[in-house]
C-alpha atoms as a PDB file:
ATOM      1  CA  UNK A   1       0.000   0.000   0.000  1.00  0.00           C
ATOM      2  CA  UNK A   2       2.793   2.443   0.908  1.00  0.00           C
ATOM      3  CA  UNK A   3       4.582   1.586  -2.303  1.00  0.00           C
ATOM      4  CA  UNK A   4       1.532   2.679  -4.311  1.00  0.00           C
ATOM      5  CA  UNK A   5       1.310   5.900  -2.313  1.00  0.00           C
ATOM      6  CA  UNK A   6       4.969   6.746  -2.819  1.00  0.00           C
ATOM      7  CA  UNK A   7       4.790   6.037  -6.537  1.00  0.00           C
ATOM      8  CA  UNK A   8       2.223   8.824  -7.068  1.00  0.00           C
ATOM      9  CA  UNK A   9       3.824  11.523  -9.274  1.00  0.00           C
ATOM     10  CA  UNK A  10       2.671  14.295  -6.931  1.00  0.00           C
ATOM     11  CA  UNK A  11       4.541  12.682  -4.038  1.00  0.00           C
ATOM     12  CA  UNK A  12       7.799  12.492  -5.997  1.00  0.00           C
ATOM     13  CA  UNK A  13       7.458  16.197  -6.850  1.00  0.00           C
ATOM     14  CA  UNK A  14       6.848  17.001  -3.189  1.00  0.00           C
ATOM     15  CA  UNK A  15       9.794  14.867  -2.062  1.00  0.00           C
ATOM     16  CA  UNK A  16      12.164  17.160  -3.938  1.00  0.00           C
ATOM     17  CA  UNK A  17      11.082  20.111  -1.820  1.00  0.00           C
ATOM     18  CA  UNK A  18      10.510  18.177   1.426  1.00  0.00           C
ATOM     19  CA  UNK A  19      13.705  19.320   3.170  1.00  0.00           C
ATOM     20  CA  UNK A  20      13.057  22.933   2.216  1.00  0.00           C
ATOM     21  CA  UNK A  21       9.503  22.715   3.540  1.00  0.00           C
ATOM     22  CA  UNK A  22      10.727  21.100   6.751  1.00  0.00           C
ATOM     23  CA  UNK A  23      13.318  23.795   7.379  1.00  0.00           C
ATOM     24  CA  UNK A  24      10.796  26.509   6.550  1.00  0.00           C
ATOM     25  CA  UNK A  25       8.328  25.172   9.098  1.00  0.00           C
ATOM     26  CA  UNK A  26      11.074  24.854  11.739  1.00  0.00           C
ATOM     27  CA  UNK A  27      12.069  28.484  11.131  1.00  0.00           C
ATOM     28  CA  UNK A  28       8.396  29.508  11.333  1.00  0.00           C
ATOM     29  CA  UNK A  29       8.015  27.685  14.661  1.00  0.00           C
ATOM     30  CA  UNK A  30      11.127  29.381  16.022  1.00  0.00           C
ATOM     31  CA  UNK A  31       9.883  32.806  14.905  1.00  0.00           C
ATOM     32  CA  UNK A  32       6.530  32.168  16.561  1.00  0.00           C
ATOM     33  CA  UNK A  33       8.310  31.058  19.728  1.00  0.00           C
ATOM     34  CA  UNK A  34      10.464  34.203  19.783  1.00  0.00           C
ATOM     35  CA  UNK A  35       7.362  36.333  19.264  1.00  0.00           C
ATOM     36  CA  UNK A  36       5.678  34.574  22.176  1.00  0.00           C
ATOM     37  CA  UNK A  37       8.731  35.213  24.364  1.00  0.00           C
ATOM     38  CA  UNK A  38       8.635  38.889  23.390  1.00  0.00           C
ATOM     39  CA  UNK A  39       4.947  39.126  24.248  1.00  0.00           C
ATOM     40  CA  UNK A  40       5.500  37.428  27.609  1.00  0.00           C
ATOM     41  CA  UNK A  41       8.316  39.811  28.504  1.00  0.00           C
ATOM     42  CA  UNK A  42       6.260  42.801  27.408  1.00  0.00           C
ATOM     43  CA  UNK A  43       3.288  41.900  29.562  1.00  0.00           C
ATOM     44  CA  UNK A  44       5.195  40.462  32.509  1.00  0.00           C
ATOM     45  CA  UNK A  45       6.807  43.855  33.208  1.00  0.00           C
ATOM     46  CA  UNK A  46       3.394  45.502  33.526  1.00  0.00           C
ATOM     47  CA  UNK A  47       1.458  44.666  36.676  1.00  0.00           C
ATOM     48  CA  UNK A  48      -2.144  44.162  35.757  1.00  0.00           C
ATOM     49  CA  UNK A  49      -4.702  44.688  38.504  1.00  0.00           C
ATOM     50  CA  UNK A  50      -7.766  42.868  37.328  1.00  0.00           C
ATOM     51  CA  UNK A  51     -10.229  40.470  38.830  1.00  0.00           C
ATOM     52  CA  UNK A  52      -8.230  37.602  37.317  1.00  0.00           C
ATOM     53  CA  UNK A  53      -5.017  38.696  39.024  1.00  0.00           C
ATOM     54  CA  UNK A  54      -4.998  35.554  41.124  1.00  0.00           C
ATOM     55  CA  UNK A  55      -4.321  33.465  37.990  1.00  0.00           C
ATOM     56  CA  UNK A  56      -0.663  32.654  37.764  1.00  0.00           C
ATOM     57  CA  UNK A  57       0.514  33.903  34.367  1.00  0.00           C
ATOM     58  CA  UNK A  58       3.813  32.065  34.703  1.00  0.00           C
ATOM     59  CA  UNK A  59       1.957  28.764  34.816  1.00  0.00           C
ATOM     60  CA  UNK A  60       0.142  29.644  31.584  1.00  0.00           C
ATOM     61  CA  UNK A  61       3.436  30.614  29.934  1.00  0.00           C
ATOM     62  CA  UNK A  62       5.019  27.413  31.152  1.00  0.00           C
ATOM     63  CA  UNK A  63       2.199  25.353  29.643  1.00  0.00           C
ATOM     64  CA  UNK A  64       2.552  27.209  26.342  1.00  0.00           C
ATOM     65  CA  UNK A  65       6.314  26.563  26.366  1.00  0.00           C
ATOM     66  CA  UNK A  66       5.715  22.846  26.930  1.00  0.00           C
ATOM     67  CA  UNK A  67       3.172  22.769  24.089  1.00  0.00           C
ATOM     68  CA  UNK A  68       5.701  24.421  21.780  1.00  0.00           C
ATOM     69  CA  UNK A  69       8.370  21.891  22.706  1.00  0.00           C
ATOM     70  CA  UNK A  70       5.903  19.075  22.199  1.00  0.00           C
ATOM     71  CA  UNK A  71       4.846  20.355  18.769  1.00  0.00           C
ATOM     72  CA  UNK A  72       8.486  20.729  17.729  1.00  0.00           C
ATOM     73  CA  UNK A  73       9.201  17.187  18.938  1.00  0.00           C
ATOM     74  CA  UNK A  74       6.176  15.824  17.079  1.00  0.00           C
ATOM     75  CA  UNK A  75       7.269  17.615  13.918  1.00  0.00           C
ATOM     76  CA  UNK A  76      10.703  15.965  14.143  1.00  0.00           C
ATOM     77  CA  UNK A  77       9.103  12.563  14.766  1.00  0.00           C
ATOM     78  CA  UNK A  78       6.789  13.078  11.785  1.00  0.00           C
ATOM     79  CA  UNK A  79       9.723  13.931   9.541  1.00  0.00           C
ATOM     80  CA  UNK A  80      11.665  10.870  10.682  1.00  0.00           C
ATOM     81  CA  UNK A  81       8.625   8.621  10.214  1.00  0.00           C
ATOM     82  CA  UNK A  82       8.058   9.866   6.665  1.00  0.00           C
ATOM     83  CA  UNK A  83      11.748   9.410   5.871  1.00  0.00           C
ATOM     84  CA  UNK A  84      11.676   5.835   7.161  1.00  0.00           C
ATOM     85  CA  UNK A  85       8.464   5.057   5.273  1.00  0.00           C
ATOM     86  CA  UNK A  86       9.983   6.411   2.070  1.00  0.00           C
ATOM     87  CA  UNK A  87      13.112   4.304   2.521  1.00  0.00           C
ATOM     88  CA  UNK A  88      11.004   1.248   3.311  1.00  0.00           C
ATOM     89  CA  UNK A  89       8.856   1.731   0.208  1.00  0.00           C
ATOM     90  CA  UNK A  90      11.943   2.101  -1.978  1.00  0.00           C
ATOM     91  CA  UNK A  91      13.481  -0.991  -0.387  1.00  0.00           C
ATOM     92  CA  UNK A  92      10.323  -2.990  -0.933  1.00  0.00           C
ATOM     93  CA  UNK A  93      10.186  -1.897  -4.565  1.00  0.00           C
ATOM     94  CA  UNK A  94      13.801  -2.884  -5.166  1.00  0.00           C
ATOM     95  CA  UNK A  95      13.243  -6.167  -3.306  1.00  0.00           C
ATOM     96  CA  UNK A  96      10.253  -6.998  -5.500  1.00  0.00           C
ATOM     97  CA  UNK A  97      12.235  -6.162  -8.633  1.00  0.00           C
ATOM     98  CA  UNK A  98      15.167  -8.306  -7.498  1.00  0.00           C
ATOM     99  CA  UNK A  99      12.829 -11.161  -6.590  1.00  0.00           C
ATOM    100  CA  UNK A 100      11.261 -11.209 -10.054  1.00  0.00           C
ATOM    101  CA  UNK A 101      14.710 -10.991 -11.605  1.00  0.00           C
ATOM    102  CA  UNK A 102      15.911 -13.958  -9.529  1.00  0.00           C
ATOM    103  CA  UNK A 103      12.804 -15.980 -10.452  1.00  0.00           C
ATOM    104  CA  UNK A 104      13.335 -15.255 -14.142  1.00  0.00           C
ATOM    105  CA  UNK A 105      17.004 -16.193 -13.890  1.00  0.00           C
ATOM    106  CA  UNK A 106      16.136 -19.425 -12.069  1.00  0.00           C
ATOM    107  CA  UNK A 107      13.577 -20.388 -14.703  1.00  0.00           C
ATOM    108  CA  UNK A 108      16.054 -19.620 -17.478  1.00  0.00           C
ATOM    109  CA  UNK A 109      18.761 -21.668 -15.738  1.00  0.00           C
ATOM    110  CA  UNK A 110      16.391 -24.631 -15.320  1.00  0.00           C
ATOM    111  CA  UNK A 111      15.393 -24.362 -18.952  1.00  0.00           C
ATOM    112  CA  UNK A 112      19.023 -24.287 -20.093  1.00  0.00           C
ATOM    113  CA  UNK A 113      19.941 -27.203 -17.808  1.00  0.00           C
ATOM    114  CA  UNK A 114      17.055 -29.256 -19.160  1.00  0.00           C
ATOM    115  CA  UNK A 115      18.079 -28.392 -22.730  1.00  0.00           C
ATOM    116  CA  UNK A 116      21.697 -29.260 -21.933  1.00  0.00           C
ATOM    117  CA  UNK A 117      20.655 -32.666 -20.570  1.00  0.00           C
ATOM    118  CA  UNK A 118      18.606 -33.345 -23.727  1.00  0.00           C
ATOM    119  CA  UNK A 119      21.612 -32.466 -25.875  1.00  0.00           C
ATOM    120  CA  UNK A 120      23.903 -34.713 -23.859  1.00  0.00           C
ATOM    121  CA  UNK A 121      21.563 -37.680 -24.293  1.00  0.00           C
END
């Protein structure tokens, strides 16, 4: 099934640009993280006296930081999984091609051995 998916022409066109897309998304995540850090620093310097002042803003920021790390980790895992699936599909395709080649060679060798035995008789 994966072999059929990876043989789609659209996928092969996307595979050429996969590393560029991956690096672009990593840079985008880093930019978003730096923007979030800037926003946190901007608002942490100002003391806000509201009804929700008892909510710990550091805890919220900490949760957001963990979510960012988790999304970055998942993105790396996704990239590695796709890379391994691509390699596996290519390996399976080459294995199938080699298997048919070996079967054809075996049949040809049997045919030539049988013909050789007929000639020797």
